[in-house]
């Protein structure tokens, strides 16, 4: 079993079941924030018509259980959206300078490691220390093996963007 864990340690495409569940929870939370937007604001966002209709429908639901199930549906629909673009649009509406701040956080985490991760978790309470460390390890590994690629670093940036949105 240890060999299997070692194989996945630096594989940027490997996602554990618990990470999948956390990602689904984040998508649902983003969907909840989308439901708080007005119809005109929703029209301006880069989302599919199916998701837009589901969000409008969610605003009408009153039953707790029906609302819970509908949030799951929205989370499922969000998997097919461009999460990075959507988060960027939401963050620009809520905090215009956030993108620059997040870029600085990524550079700081890449340079300092664990001390910067601890500060990031304090700054963004929705952030998971373990996930940040995994993203950092993958980005550092990517930097040493293929310095021209930035997929893992972009994944770290996207994760910080998600947690910043959820920490508000």
Protein backbone atom coordinates (compact mmCIF):
# COMPACT_ATOMS: atom_id res chain seq x y z
CA UNK A 1 0.00 0.00 0.00
CA UNK A 2 2.91 2.36 0.73
CA UNK A 3 4.14 2.08 -2.86
CA UNK A 4 0.73 3.20 -4.07
CA UNK A 5 0.85 6.26 -1.79
CA UNK A 6 4.37 7.09 -3.02
CA UNK A 7 3.24 6.85 -6.64
CA UNK A 8 0.45 9.37 -6.03
CA UNK A 9 2.54 11.74 -3.89
CA UNK A 10 3.62 13.90 -6.83
CA UNK A 11 0.93 12.98 -9.32
CA UNK A 12 -0.95 16.28 -9.85
CA UNK A 13 -3.96 14.40 -11.30
CA UNK A 14 -4.47 12.13 -8.26
CA UNK A 15 -7.34 13.25 -6.03
CA UNK A 16 -8.24 11.31 -2.91
CA UNK A 17 -11.85 10.61 -2.02
CA UNK A 18 -11.75 13.07 0.89
CA UNK A 19 -10.34 15.75 -1.41
CA UNK A 20 -13.17 15.07 -3.88
CA UNK A 21 -15.70 15.55 -1.08
CA UNK A 22 -14.04 18.79 0.04
CA UNK A 23 -14.04 20.04 -3.55
CA UNK A 24 -17.74 19.22 -3.84
CA UNK A 25 -18.44 21.13 -0.61
CA UNK A 26 -16.51 24.13 -1.98
CA UNK A 27 -18.49 24.02 -5.22
CA UNK A 28 -21.75 23.91 -3.27
CA UNK A 29 -20.65 26.88 -1.17
CA UNK A 30 -19.78 28.83 -4.32
CA UNK A 31 -23.21 27.91 -5.68
CA UNK A 32 -24.78 29.33 -2.52
CA UNK A 33 -22.92 32.59 -3.06
CA UNK A 34 -24.11 32.65 -6.66
CA UNK A 35 -27.70 32.25 -5.42
CA UNK A 36 -27.30 35.49 -3.45
CA UNK A 37 -26.68 37.45 -6.66
CA UNK A 38 -29.43 39.25 -8.53
CA UNK A 39 -30.71 38.06 -11.91
CA UNK A 40 -28.80 40.84 -13.70
CA UNK A 41 -25.56 39.91 -11.93
CA UNK A 42 -26.07 36.25 -12.84
CA UNK A 43 -26.53 37.16 -16.51
CA UNK A 44 -23.09 38.78 -16.51
CA UNK A 45 -21.31 35.71 -15.14
CA UNK A 46 -19.72 33.15 -17.49
CA UNK A 47 -22.00 30.22 -16.54
CA UNK A 48 -24.18 27.84 -18.52
CA UNK A 49 -27.91 28.39 -18.87
CA UNK A 50 -28.56 25.14 -17.00
CA UNK A 51 -26.64 26.35 -13.95
CA UNK A 52 -28.24 29.80 -14.18
CA UNK A 53 -31.72 28.22 -14.19
CA UNK A 54 -30.83 25.95 -11.26
CA UNK A 55 -29.60 28.95 -9.25
CA UNK A 56 -32.79 30.88 -9.98
CA UNK A 57 -34.82 27.84 -8.90
CA UNK A 58 -32.78 27.55 -5.69
CA UNK A 59 -33.79 31.08 -4.75
CA UNK A 60 -37.43 29.97 -4.71
CA UNK A 61 -37.05 26.81 -2.59
CA UNK A 62 -38.15 27.08 1.04
CA UNK A 63 -37.99 23.47 2.28
CA UNK A 64 -34.75 22.68 4.10
CA UNK A 65 -34.37 19.17 2.67
CA UNK A 66 -35.25 20.27 -0.87
CA UNK A 67 -32.74 23.12 -0.54
CA UNK A 68 -30.03 20.69 0.61
CA UNK A 69 -30.64 18.40 -2.37
CA UNK A 70 -30.75 21.35 -4.77
CA UNK A 71 -27.39 22.59 -3.45
CA UNK A 72 -25.98 19.16 -4.27
CA UNK A 73 -27.37 19.48 -7.79
CA UNK A 74 -25.77 22.90 -8.18
CA UNK A 75 -22.45 21.49 -6.94
CA UNK A 76 -22.73 18.74 -9.55
CA UNK A 77 -23.51 21.28 -12.31
CA UNK A 78 -20.58 23.44 -11.17
CA UNK A 79 -18.17 20.60 -12.02
CA UNK A 80 -18.78 21.36 -15.70
CA UNK A 81 -18.11 25.08 -15.38
CA UNK A 82 -14.78 26.87 -15.70
CA UNK A 83 -14.21 27.24 -11.97
CA UNK A 84 -11.22 29.57 -12.29
CA UNK A 85 -13.05 32.06 -14.49
CA UNK A 86 -16.15 31.93 -12.30
CA UNK A 87 -14.17 32.48 -9.10
CA UNK A 88 -12.26 35.34 -10.68
CA UNK A 89 -15.52 37.03 -11.69
CA UNK A 90 -17.02 36.55 -8.22
CA UNK A 91 -13.89 37.77 -6.45
CA UNK A 92 -13.64 40.85 -8.67
CA UNK A 93 -17.17 41.77 -7.68
CA UNK A 94 -16.50 41.31 -3.98
CA UNK A 95 -12.85 42.31 -3.64
CA UNK A 96 -11.23 43.98 -6.66
CA UNK A 97 -7.65 43.73 -5.32
CA UNK A 98 -7.89 40.10 -4.30
CA UNK A 99 -6.20 38.64 -7.40
CA UNK A 100 -2.99 40.59 -6.71
CA UNK A 101 -3.09 39.63 -3.02
CA UNK A 102 -3.53 35.97 -3.92
CA UNK A 103 -0.57 36.12 -6.32
CA UNK A 104 1.53 37.46 -3.46
CA UNK A 105 0.28 34.68 -1.18
CA UNK A 106 1.26 32.03 -3.76
CA UNK A 107 4.77 33.49 -4.10
CA UNK A 108 5.12 33.70 -0.32
CA UNK A 109 4.00 30.09 0.15
CA UNK A 110 6.38 28.93 -2.58
CA UNK A 111 9.27 30.79 -0.92
CA UNK A 112 8.60 30.19 2.80
CA UNK A 113 6.70 26.90 2.94
CA UNK A 114 5.02 25.92 6.22
CA UNK A 115 5.24 29.29 8.02
CA UNK A 116 3.45 30.95 5.10
CA UNK A 117 0.90 28.11 4.97
CA UNK A 118 0.13 28.65 8.65
CA UNK A 119 -0.38 32.38 8.00
CA UNK A 120 -2.59 31.60 5.01
CA UNK A 121 -4.78 29.30 7.10
CA UNK A 122 -5.18 32.10 9.65
CA UNK A 123 -6.01 34.59 6.87
CA UNK A 124 -8.41 32.25 5.07
CA UNK A 125 -10.23 30.06 7.65
CA UNK A 126 -11.79 27.87 4.93
CA UNK A 127 -8.31 26.76 3.81
CA UNK A 128 -7.10 23.28 4.67
CA UNK A 129 -3.46 23.09 5.78
CA UNK A 130 -3.04 19.58 4.34
CA UNK A 131 -4.36 20.60 0.92
CA UNK A 132 -2.10 23.66 0.84
CA UNK A 133 0.92 21.48 1.66
CA UNK A 134 -0.02 19.03 -1.11
CA UNK A 135 -0.35 21.87 -3.61
CA UNK A 136 2.97 23.33 -2.47
CA UNK A 137 4.75 19.97 -2.76
CA UNK A 138 3.35 19.43 -6.25
CA UNK A 139 4.34 22.97 -7.33
CA UNK A 140 7.86 22.56 -5.94
CA UNK A 141 8.20 19.18 -7.63
CA UNK A 142 6.94 20.67 -10.89
CA UNK A 143 9.44 23.53 -10.59
CA UNK A 144 12.36 21.13 -10.28
CA UNK A 145 11.27 18.70 -13.01
CA UNK A 146 9.65 21.02 -15.54
CA UNK A 147 10.29 24.70 -14.73
CA UNK A 148 8.32 25.90 -17.77
CA UNK A 149 5.08 24.31 -16.53
CA UNK A 150 2.84 26.05 -14.00
CA UNK A 151 -0.15 23.71 -13.63
CA UNK A 152 0.50 22.87 -9.98
CA UNK A 153 1.22 26.50 -9.12
CA UNK A 154 -2.03 27.48 -10.84
CA UNK A 155 -3.84 24.81 -8.83
CA UNK A 156 -2.45 26.38 -5.63
CA UNK A 157 -3.65 29.80 -6.81
CA UNK A 158 -7.13 28.44 -7.64
CA UNK A 159 -7.39 26.74 -4.25
CA UNK A 160 -6.46 29.98 -2.48
CA UNK A 161 -9.01 31.83 -4.59
CA UNK A 162 -11.72 29.36 -3.57
CA UNK A 163 -10.87 29.58 0.10
CA UNK A 164 -10.70 33.37 -0.01
CA UNK A 165 -14.20 33.45 -1.46
CA UNK A 166 -15.48 30.99 1.15
CA UNK A 167 -13.73 32.78 4.04
CA UNK A 168 -15.63 36.02 3.57
